[in-house]
Amino acid sequence: MKMSEPGSALTRRGFASAFALLVAAGALAGCVVAPRRGAVVAVRPPPPRYEAPPPPPSERMVWDPGRWQWDGHDYRWVPGHYVERPYRDARWEPGHWAERNGGWVWVEGHWER
């Protein structure tokens, strides 16, 4: 029996291996991989989208606007959400994309006094 003959053990093993590889690649294609902290993205992010925030669930909650997140190939939109104020006078400084080192880096949001 030749190796390429249909029904041979080698052909079945090759098909099974190729199928397993295809399934694994498909599963990984849906994964979103955030760039490591401080990583420079060469592609400029799109302009932010406007989202009308819903009413806050409590007085301690502050709206954190949505943002574009780099997934390693393209940007995808992450909707805004509420974050809880850690102390009374805390002011939320939203995250933003900043131009640095010939590309773009994400600067995390943080609380200020």
Protein backbone atom coordinates (compact mmCIF):
# COMPACT_ATOMS: atom_id res chain seq x y z
CA MET A 1 0.00 0.00 0.00
CA LYS A 2 1.36 3.43 -0.95
CA MET A 3 1.50 6.23 1.66
CA SER A 4 -0.85 8.45 -0.33
CA GLU A 5 -3.37 5.73 -1.06
CA PRO A 6 -6.79 6.61 0.37
CA GLY A 7 -7.62 4.62 3.50
CA SER A 8 -3.99 4.04 4.48
CA ALA A 9 -3.03 4.46 8.15
CA LEU A 10 -0.68 7.32 7.31
CA THR A 11 -3.41 9.22 5.46
CA ARG A 12 -5.86 8.76 8.36
CA ARG A 13 -3.21 9.93 10.87
CA GLY A 14 -2.35 12.91 8.68
CA PHE A 15 -6.02 13.82 8.38
CA ALA A 16 -6.55 13.49 12.16
CA SER A 17 -3.50 15.68 12.84
CA ALA A 18 -4.59 18.31 10.34
CA PHE A 19 -8.12 18.31 11.78
CA ALA A 20 -6.80 18.71 15.36
CA LEU A 21 -4.58 21.59 14.25
CA LEU A 22 -7.51 23.26 12.47
CA VAL A 23 -9.74 22.95 15.57
CA ALA A 24 -7.00 24.39 17.81
CA ALA A 25 -6.39 27.30 15.42
CA GLY A 26 -10.12 28.04 15.31
CA ALA A 27 -10.34 28.08 19.10
CA LEU A 28 -7.37 30.41 19.38
CA ALA A 29 -8.72 32.75 16.70
CA GLY A 30 -11.48 33.83 19.10
CA CYS A 31 -9.05 34.65 21.90
CA VAL A 32 -8.28 38.27 22.65
CA VAL A 33 -4.71 38.86 23.69
CA ALA A 34 -4.08 42.22 25.31
CA PRO A 35 -0.64 43.65 24.61
CA ARG A 36 1.78 43.45 27.52
CA ARG A 37 1.95 46.55 29.68
CA GLY A 38 3.89 49.30 27.92
CA ALA A 39 3.81 47.48 24.56
CA VAL A 40 3.87 49.80 21.56
CA VAL A 41 1.16 49.23 18.94
CA ALA A 42 2.13 50.50 15.48
CA VAL A 43 -1.49 51.09 14.36
CA ARG A 44 -3.23 54.28 15.49
CA PRO A 45 -6.46 53.55 17.43
CA PRO A 46 -9.77 54.71 15.96
CA PRO A 47 -11.43 57.74 17.57
CA PRO A 48 -13.36 56.87 20.76
CA ARG A 49 -17.06 56.08 20.41
CA TYR A 50 -19.57 58.10 22.37
CA GLU A 51 -21.62 56.06 24.83
CA ALA A 52 -24.40 57.64 26.88
CA PRO A 53 -23.85 56.23 30.36
CA PRO A 54 -26.87 54.68 32.05
CA PRO A 55 -27.88 56.10 35.43
CA PRO A 56 -25.31 55.19 38.10
CA PRO A 57 -26.25 52.29 40.37
CA SER A 58 -25.16 54.36 43.41
CA GLU A 59 -23.47 57.64 44.32
CA ARG A 60 -20.17 55.80 44.81
CA MET A 61 -20.05 54.69 41.16
CA VAL A 62 -18.24 56.63 38.42
CA TRP A 63 -18.53 56.00 34.67
CA ASP A 64 -15.41 54.62 32.98
CA PRO A 65 -15.92 55.24 29.23
CA GLY A 66 -15.48 52.51 26.64
CA ARG A 67 -12.19 52.12 24.81
CA TRP A 68 -10.49 50.49 21.88
CA GLN A 69 -8.44 47.43 22.87
CA TRP A 70 -5.69 46.01 20.65
CA ASP A 71 -6.05 42.23 20.20
CA GLY A 72 -2.77 41.67 18.40
CA HIS A 73 -4.26 42.17 14.92
CA ASP A 74 -6.89 44.88 15.16
CA TYR A 75 -8.77 47.06 17.61
CA ARG A 76 -12.03 45.91 19.18
CA TRP A 77 -14.43 48.06 21.20
CA VAL A 78 -14.76 47.42 24.94
CA PRO A 79 -17.93 49.08 26.30
CA GLY A 80 -17.83 51.50 29.22
CA HIS A 81 -18.80 50.46 32.74
CA TYR A 82 -19.11 51.84 36.25
CA VAL A 83 -16.24 51.67 38.75
CA GLU A 84 -16.61 52.18 42.48
CA ARG A 85 -15.04 55.28 44.00
CA PRO A 86 -12.52 54.17 46.68
CA TYR A 87 -12.98 57.30 48.82
CA ARG A 88 -15.25 60.34 48.84
CA ASP A 89 -13.09 62.90 46.96
CA ALA A 90 -11.52 60.47 44.49
CA ARG A 91 -11.64 61.56 40.86
CA TRP A 92 -11.45 58.98 38.05
CA GLU A 93 -8.93 59.70 35.29
CA PRO A 94 -10.00 57.44 32.37
CA GLY A 95 -7.45 55.38 30.47
CA HIS A 96 -6.34 56.60 27.06
CA TRP A 97 -4.09 55.80 24.11
CA ALA A 98 -0.92 57.92 24.01
CA GLU A 99 1.52 58.32 21.12
CA ARG A 100 4.99 57.13 22.18
CA ASN A 101 8.10 55.64 20.62
CA GLY A 102 6.71 55.79 17.09
CA GLY A 103 3.47 54.01 18.02
CA TRP A 104 0.64 53.90 20.54
CA VAL A 105 0.54 52.68 24.15
CA TRP A 106 -2.44 52.22 26.47
CA VAL A 107 -2.28 54.28 29.68
CA GLU A 108 -4.50 52.67 32.34
CA GLY A 109 -7.22 54.68 34.09
CA HIS A 110 -6.56 55.59 37.71
CA TRP A 111 -7.92 57.45 40.72
CA GLU A 112 -6.65 60.92 41.67
CA ARG A 113 -7.26 63.03 44.76
